[in-house]
N, C-alpha and C. Protein backbone atom coordinates (compact mmCIF):
# COMPACT_ATOMS: atom_id res chain seq x y z
N UNK A 1 0.60 45.36 -20.27
CA UNK A 1 -0.01 44.04 -19.63
C UNK A 1 1.12 43.24 -19.15
N UNK A 2 0.62 42.71 -17.91
CA UNK A 2 1.76 41.80 -17.19
C UNK A 2 1.11 40.67 -17.07
N UNK A 3 1.70 39.53 -17.47
CA UNK A 3 1.52 38.30 -17.53
C UNK A 3 2.18 37.64 -16.39
N UNK A 4 1.45 36.78 -15.63
CA UNK A 4 2.04 35.89 -14.79
C UNK A 4 1.02 34.55 -14.04
N UNK A 5 1.96 33.48 -14.11
CA UNK A 5 1.15 32.19 -13.78
C UNK A 5 1.01 31.87 -12.35
N UNK A 6 0.06 31.34 -11.83
CA UNK A 6 0.28 30.85 -10.59
C UNK A 6 0.45 29.50 -10.28
N UNK A 7 1.46 29.37 -9.73
CA UNK A 7 2.00 27.77 -9.29
C UNK A 7 1.82 27.74 -7.88
N UNK A 8 1.39 25.95 -7.64
CA UNK A 8 1.08 25.70 -6.14
C UNK A 8 2.60 25.74 -5.66
N UNK A 9 2.41 26.22 -4.17
CA UNK A 9 3.76 26.11 -3.53
C UNK A 9 4.32 24.51 -3.25
N UNK A 10 5.44 24.81 -2.97
CA UNK A 10 6.16 23.45 -2.97
C UNK A 10 5.50 22.56 -1.69
N UNK A 11 5.08 23.05 -0.73
CA UNK A 11 4.43 22.42 0.28
C UNK A 11 3.20 21.73 0.01
N UNK A 12 2.51 22.51 -1.25
CA UNK A 12 1.15 21.75 -2.00
C UNK A 12 1.51 20.79 -2.70
N UNK A 13 2.73 20.52 -3.23
CA UNK A 13 3.03 19.64 -4.41
C UNK A 13 2.69 18.36 -4.10
N UNK A 14 2.24 17.32 -5.07
CA UNK A 14 1.86 16.10 -4.44
C UNK A 14 3.00 15.16 -4.37
N UNK A 15 2.91 14.17 -3.77
CA UNK A 15 3.89 13.08 -3.48
C UNK A 15 3.42 11.90 -4.10
N UNK A 16 4.41 10.76 -3.81
CA UNK A 16 3.96 9.55 -4.49
C UNK A 16 4.03 8.54 -3.25
N UNK A 17 3.17 7.55 -3.47
CA UNK A 17 3.14 6.46 -2.75
C UNK A 17 3.52 5.11 -3.50
N UNK A 18 4.27 4.45 -2.91
CA UNK A 18 4.74 3.37 -3.46
C UNK A 18 5.37 1.97 -2.33
N UNK A 19 5.47 0.68 -2.95
CA UNK A 19 5.69 -0.19 -1.86
C UNK A 19 5.33 -1.58 -2.69
N UNK A 20 5.62 -2.56 -1.95
CA UNK A 20 5.47 -3.97 -2.30
C UNK A 20 4.72 -4.92 -1.47
N UNK A 21 3.88 -5.35 -2.02
CA UNK A 21 2.76 -6.32 -1.20
C UNK A 21 3.24 -7.77 -1.20
N UNK A 22 3.54 -8.43 -0.17
CA UNK A 22 3.69 -9.78 -0.09
C UNK A 22 2.65 -10.45 0.82
N UNK A 23 2.63 -11.80 0.52
CA UNK A 23 2.04 -12.80 1.10
C UNK A 23 2.66 -13.84 2.03
N UNK A 24 2.20 -14.23 3.35
CA UNK A 24 2.81 -15.42 3.94
C UNK A 24 1.84 -16.11 4.63
N UNK A 25 2.00 -17.23 4.79
CA UNK A 25 1.43 -18.43 5.31
C UNK A 25 1.85 -18.29 7.03
N UNK A 26 1.32 -17.58 8.05
CA UNK A 26 2.07 -17.38 9.33
C UNK A 26 1.68 -18.99 9.93
N UNK A 27 1.05 -19.77 9.55
CA UNK A 27 0.67 -21.11 10.28
C UNK A 27 1.75 -21.98 9.81
N UNK A 28 2.50 -21.94 8.73
CA UNK A 28 3.70 -22.85 8.19
C UNK A 28 4.76 -23.12 9.02
N UNK A 29 5.50 -23.98 9.06
CA UNK A 29 6.44 -23.96 10.10
C UNK A 29 7.74 -23.15 9.50
N UNK A 30 8.59 -22.66 10.22
CA UNK A 30 9.61 -21.79 10.00
C UNK A 30 10.66 -22.79 9.11
N UNK A 31 11.16 -22.04 8.01
CA UNK A 31 12.21 -22.44 7.30
C UNK A 31 11.59 -23.21 5.94
N UNK A 32 10.08 -23.40 6.06
CA UNK A 32 9.59 -23.94 4.82
C UNK A 32 9.44 -22.71 3.69
N UNK A 33 9.26 -23.29 2.63
CA UNK A 33 9.07 -22.32 1.43
C UNK A 33 7.63 -21.57 1.65
N UNK A 34 6.52 -22.03 2.56
CA UNK A 34 5.07 -21.53 2.76
C UNK A 34 5.19 -20.45 3.51
N UNK A 35 6.47 -20.68 4.69
CA UNK A 35 6.71 -19.37 5.65
C UNK A 35 7.37 -18.17 5.16
N UNK A 36 7.78 -18.19 4.03
CA UNK A 36 8.45 -17.00 3.40
C UNK A 36 7.45 -16.22 2.54
N UNK A 37 7.66 -14.85 2.80
CA UNK A 37 6.93 -13.84 2.32
C UNK A 37 7.11 -13.81 0.67
N UNK A 38 6.00 -13.89 -0.21
CA UNK A 38 6.05 -13.90 -1.68
C UNK A 38 5.36 -12.96 -2.04
N UNK A 39 5.81 -12.31 -3.21
CA UNK A 39 5.03 -11.10 -3.83
C UNK A 39 3.64 -11.44 -4.01
N UNK A 40 2.70 -10.59 -4.03
CA UNK A 40 1.13 -10.76 -4.35
C UNK A 40 0.85 -9.83 -5.68
N UNK A 41 0.60 -10.53 -6.81
CA UNK A 41 0.28 -9.98 -8.16
C UNK A 41 -1.31 -9.52 -7.76
N UNK A 42 -1.76 -8.49 -8.42
CA UNK A 42 -3.17 -7.93 -8.57
C UNK A 42 -3.75 -7.52 -7.38
N UNK A 43 -2.87 -7.35 -6.19
CA UNK A 43 -3.47 -6.69 -5.11
C UNK A 43 -3.99 -5.57 -5.07
N UNK A 44 -5.12 -4.90 -4.45
CA UNK A 44 -5.62 -3.86 -4.69
C UNK A 44 -5.06 -2.91 -3.53
N UNK A 45 -4.67 -1.84 -4.13
CA UNK A 45 -4.04 -0.63 -3.00
C UNK A 45 -4.62 0.53 -3.10
N UNK A 46 -5.03 1.37 -2.02
CA UNK A 46 -5.82 2.48 -2.14
C UNK A 46 -5.10 3.39 -1.23
N UNK A 47 -4.95 4.91 -1.59
CA UNK A 47 -4.95 5.81 -0.55
C UNK A 47 -6.23 6.43 -0.52
N UNK A 48 -6.83 6.16 0.80
CA UNK A 48 -8.22 6.95 1.02
C UNK A 48 -9.02 6.69 0.04
N UNK A 49 -9.39 7.98 -0.42
CA UNK A 49 -10.37 7.90 -1.85
C UNK A 49 -9.92 8.58 -2.87
N UNK A 50 -8.74 8.93 -2.50
CA UNK A 50 -7.95 9.55 -3.69
C UNK A 50 -7.14 8.72 -4.76
N UNK A 51 -6.90 7.58 -4.68
CA UNK A 51 -6.33 6.76 -5.62
C UNK A 51 -6.41 5.15 -5.37
N UNK A 52 -6.56 4.78 -6.39
CA UNK A 52 -6.65 3.22 -6.30
C UNK A 52 -5.75 2.46 -7.23
N UNK A 53 -5.08 1.56 -7.16
CA UNK A 53 -4.24 0.93 -8.27
C UNK A 53 -4.10 -0.77 -7.63
N UNK A 54 -3.40 -1.73 -8.62
CA UNK A 54 -3.18 -2.84 -8.29
C UNK A 54 -1.72 -3.15 -8.56
N UNK A 55 -1.32 -4.27 -7.85
CA UNK A 55 0.29 -4.75 -7.86
C UNK A 55 0.45 -5.20 -9.33
N UNK A 56 1.62 -5.20 -9.47
CA UNK A 56 2.13 -5.70 -10.65
C UNK A 56 2.80 -7.24 -10.27
N UNK A 57 3.31 -8.07 -11.32
CA UNK A 57 3.62 -9.32 -10.83
C UNK A 57 4.71 -9.44 -9.92
N UNK A 58 5.28 -8.48 -9.56
CA UNK A 58 6.23 -8.70 -8.42
C UNK A 58 5.85 -7.94 -7.27
N UNK A 59 4.54 -7.81 -7.18
CA UNK A 59 3.81 -7.30 -5.87
C UNK A 59 4.15 -5.38 -5.80
N UNK A 60 4.76 -5.16 -6.76
CA UNK A 60 5.18 -3.72 -6.44
C UNK A 60 3.85 -2.65 -7.20
N UNK A 61 3.78 -1.62 -6.51
CA UNK A 61 2.60 -0.57 -6.50
C UNK A 61 3.19 0.81 -6.58
N UNK A 62 2.56 1.89 -7.34
CA UNK A 62 3.22 3.12 -7.38
C UNK A 62 1.97 3.90 -7.82
N UNK A 63 1.84 4.87 -6.70
CA UNK A 63 0.90 6.05 -7.21
C UNK A 63 1.19 7.25 -6.98
N UNK A 64 1.45 8.05 -8.07
CA UNK A 64 1.96 9.47 -7.99
C UNK A 64 0.61 10.29 -7.91
N UNK A 65 1.12 11.53 -7.65
CA UNK A 65 -0.05 12.91 -7.55
C UNK A 65 -0.86 12.68 -6.21
N UNK A 66 -0.25 11.89 -5.13
CA UNK A 66 -1.07 11.87 -3.99
C UNK A 66 -0.72 13.32 -3.32
N UNK A 67 -1.93 14.08 -2.75
CA UNK A 67 -1.71 15.18 -2.04
C UNK A 67 -1.25 14.90 -0.86
N UNK A 68 -0.16 15.97 -0.44
CA UNK A 68 0.50 15.71 1.01
C UNK A 68 -0.42 15.95 2.15
N UNK A 69 -0.27 15.09 3.10
CA UNK A 69 -0.91 15.15 4.53
C UNK A 69 -1.03 13.73 4.87
N UNK A 70 -1.64 13.53 5.94
CA UNK A 70 -2.00 12.13 6.54
C UNK A 70 -3.06 11.35 5.64
N UNK A 71 -2.89 10.09 5.62
CA UNK A 71 -3.58 9.31 4.75
C UNK A 71 -3.85 7.81 5.44
N UNK A 72 -4.75 7.16 5.03
CA UNK A 72 -4.84 5.77 5.30
C UNK A 72 -4.67 4.95 3.99
N UNK A 73 -3.75 4.07 3.85
CA UNK A 73 -3.50 2.96 2.84
C UNK A 73 -4.08 1.86 3.02
N UNK A 74 -4.87 1.54 2.32
CA UNK A 74 -5.56 -0.09 2.57
C UNK A 74 -5.19 -0.93 1.48
N UNK A 75 -4.81 -2.45 1.60
CA UNK A 75 -4.28 -3.27 0.81
C UNK A 75 -5.53 -4.37 1.00
N UNK A 76 -5.57 -5.07 -0.06
CA UNK A 76 -6.59 -6.40 -0.05
C UNK A 76 -6.16 -7.38 -1.32
N UNK A 77 -6.19 -8.58 -1.08
CA UNK A 77 -5.84 -9.38 -2.05
C UNK A 77 -6.71 -10.74 -1.98
N UNK A 78 -7.20 -11.30 -3.12
CA UNK A 78 -7.84 -12.52 -2.76
C UNK A 78 -6.96 -13.73 -2.22
N UNK A 79 -7.74 -14.32 -0.95
CA UNK A 79 -6.97 -15.57 -0.39
C UNK A 79 -6.07 -14.97 0.98
N UNK A 80 -6.26 -13.55 1.09
CA UNK A 80 -5.19 -13.11 2.24
C UNK A 80 -6.13 -11.92 2.88
N UNK A 81 -5.58 -12.04 4.33
CA UNK A 81 -6.25 -10.94 4.99
C UNK A 81 -5.87 -9.55 4.66
N UNK A 82 -6.86 -8.64 4.79
CA UNK A 82 -6.57 -7.18 4.49
C UNK A 82 -5.74 -6.49 5.56
N UNK A 83 -5.08 -5.21 5.12
CA UNK A 83 -4.49 -4.39 5.92
C UNK A 83 -4.75 -3.06 5.60
N UNK A 84 -4.95 -2.19 6.65
CA UNK A 84 -4.95 -0.69 6.57
C UNK A 84 -4.06 -0.12 7.59
N UNK A 85 -3.43 0.96 7.18
CA UNK A 85 -2.44 1.62 8.29
C UNK A 85 -2.60 3.06 7.68
N UNK A 86 -2.08 3.84 8.84
CA UNK A 86 -2.13 5.32 8.67
C UNK A 86 -0.44 5.76 7.98
N UNK A 87 -0.41 6.98 7.48
CA UNK A 87 0.97 7.34 6.85
C UNK A 87 0.85 8.66 6.44
N UNK A 88 1.82 9.43 6.09
CA UNK A 88 1.92 10.72 5.74
C UNK A 88 2.68 10.94 4.37
N UNK A 89 1.92 11.47 3.59
CA UNK A 89 2.58 12.03 2.11
C UNK A 89 3.29 12.99 2.30
N UNK A 90 4.61 13.20 2.04
CA UNK A 90 5.23 14.68 2.10
C UNK A 90 5.12 15.22 0.53
N UNK A 91 5.13 16.47 0.38
CA UNK A 91 5.16 17.02 -0.96
C UNK A 91 6.59 16.74 -1.69
N UNK A 92 6.54 16.48 -2.74
CA UNK A 92 8.00 16.11 -3.74
C UNK A 92 8.67 15.14 -3.17
N UNK A 93 8.00 14.11 -2.36
CA UNK A 93 8.71 12.85 -1.93
C UNK A 93 8.07 11.78 -2.06
N UNK A 94 8.73 10.50 -2.13
CA UNK A 94 8.21 9.30 -1.90
C UNK A 94 7.95 8.67 -0.89
N UNK A 95 6.74 8.21 -0.43
CA UNK A 95 6.37 7.37 0.65
C UNK A 95 6.41 5.94 0.18
N UNK A 96 7.35 5.17 1.20
CA UNK A 96 7.25 3.71 0.96
C UNK A 96 6.27 3.21 2.00
N UNK A 97 5.36 2.13 1.61
CA UNK A 97 4.54 1.54 2.46
C UNK A 97 4.43 0.02 1.98
N UNK A 98 5.40 -0.86 2.62
CA UNK A 98 5.18 -2.08 2.13
C UNK A 98 4.32 -2.82 2.96
N UNK A 99 3.81 -4.18 2.69
CA UNK A 99 2.81 -4.89 3.59
C UNK A 99 3.00 -6.25 3.25
N UNK A 100 2.61 -6.93 4.37
CA UNK A 100 3.01 -8.55 4.22
C UNK A 100 1.45 -8.93 4.60
N UNK A 101 0.85 -9.52 4.02
CA UNK A 101 -0.51 -9.97 4.04
C UNK A 101 -0.56 -11.49 4.65
N UNK A 102 -1.43 -11.72 5.75
CA UNK A 102 -1.33 -13.18 6.25
C UNK A 102 -2.43 -14.12 5.14
N UNK A 103 -1.93 -15.27 4.90
CA UNK A 103 -2.71 -16.20 3.93
C UNK A 103 -3.79 -16.40 4.76
N UNK A 104 -4.99 -16.57 4.13
CA UNK A 104 -6.27 -16.78 5.01
C UNK A 104 -6.34 -18.40 4.82
N UNK A 105 -6.70 -18.89 6.29
CA UNK A 105 -6.98 -20.32 6.45
C UNK A 105 -7.99 -20.52 6.58
N UNK A 106 -8.67 -21.45 5.56
CA UNK A 106 -10.39 -21.66 5.40
C UNK A 106 -11.15 -21.81 6.76
N UNK A 107 -10.17 -22.46 7.66
CA UNK A 107 -10.93 -22.67 9.02
C UNK A 107 -10.97 -21.62 9.95
N UNK A 108 -10.31 -20.63 9.71
CA UNK A 108 -10.00 -19.46 10.89
C UNK A 108 -10.03 -17.98 9.93
N UNK A 109 -10.38 -16.88 10.86
CA UNK A 109 -10.52 -15.68 10.65
C UNK A 109 -9.29 -14.96 11.02
N UNK A 110 -8.59 -14.23 10.22
CA UNK A 110 -7.61 -13.62 10.88
C UNK A 110 -7.83 -12.10 10.64
N UNK A 111 -7.74 -11.27 11.79
CA UNK A 111 -7.96 -10.02 11.99
C UNK A 111 -6.66 -9.14 11.71
N UNK A 112 -6.13 -8.54 10.72
CA UNK A 112 -5.08 -7.83 10.51
C UNK A 112 -5.04 -6.30 11.26
N UNK A 113 -6.26 -5.92 11.67
CA UNK A 113 -6.21 -4.67 12.21
C UNK A 113 -7.21 -4.67 13.48
N UNK A 114 -6.29 -5.26 14.57
CA UNK A 114 -7.08 -5.44 15.77
C UNK A 114 -7.50 -3.95 16.19
N UNK A 115 -8.28 -3.79 17.21
CA UNK A 115 -8.83 -2.53 17.97
C UNK A 115 -7.59 -1.84 18.65
């Protein structure tokens, strides 16, 4: 009897997606505290339909076991405009995707993803 195990090739091994989500009031005067990007806790981050998580108190998120290849990373947080961007996950590597979301102005609509 011969026993052997099938293991995925290194090219098919999952990767990791991580980063920091911050928010900023782009209408605030430069040099003011409101104009500085600050971490957003509890922002929703998703990689396509594969994984979804929320940021911690420091705006950090980490999603392991993401299949390698092209993907779309979407971020949303209450009181801020959402963002979506394309990225590529590489097997056995960490892909960093940081986001700075625009604080919503109740009187205006911000489009973070122009055509």
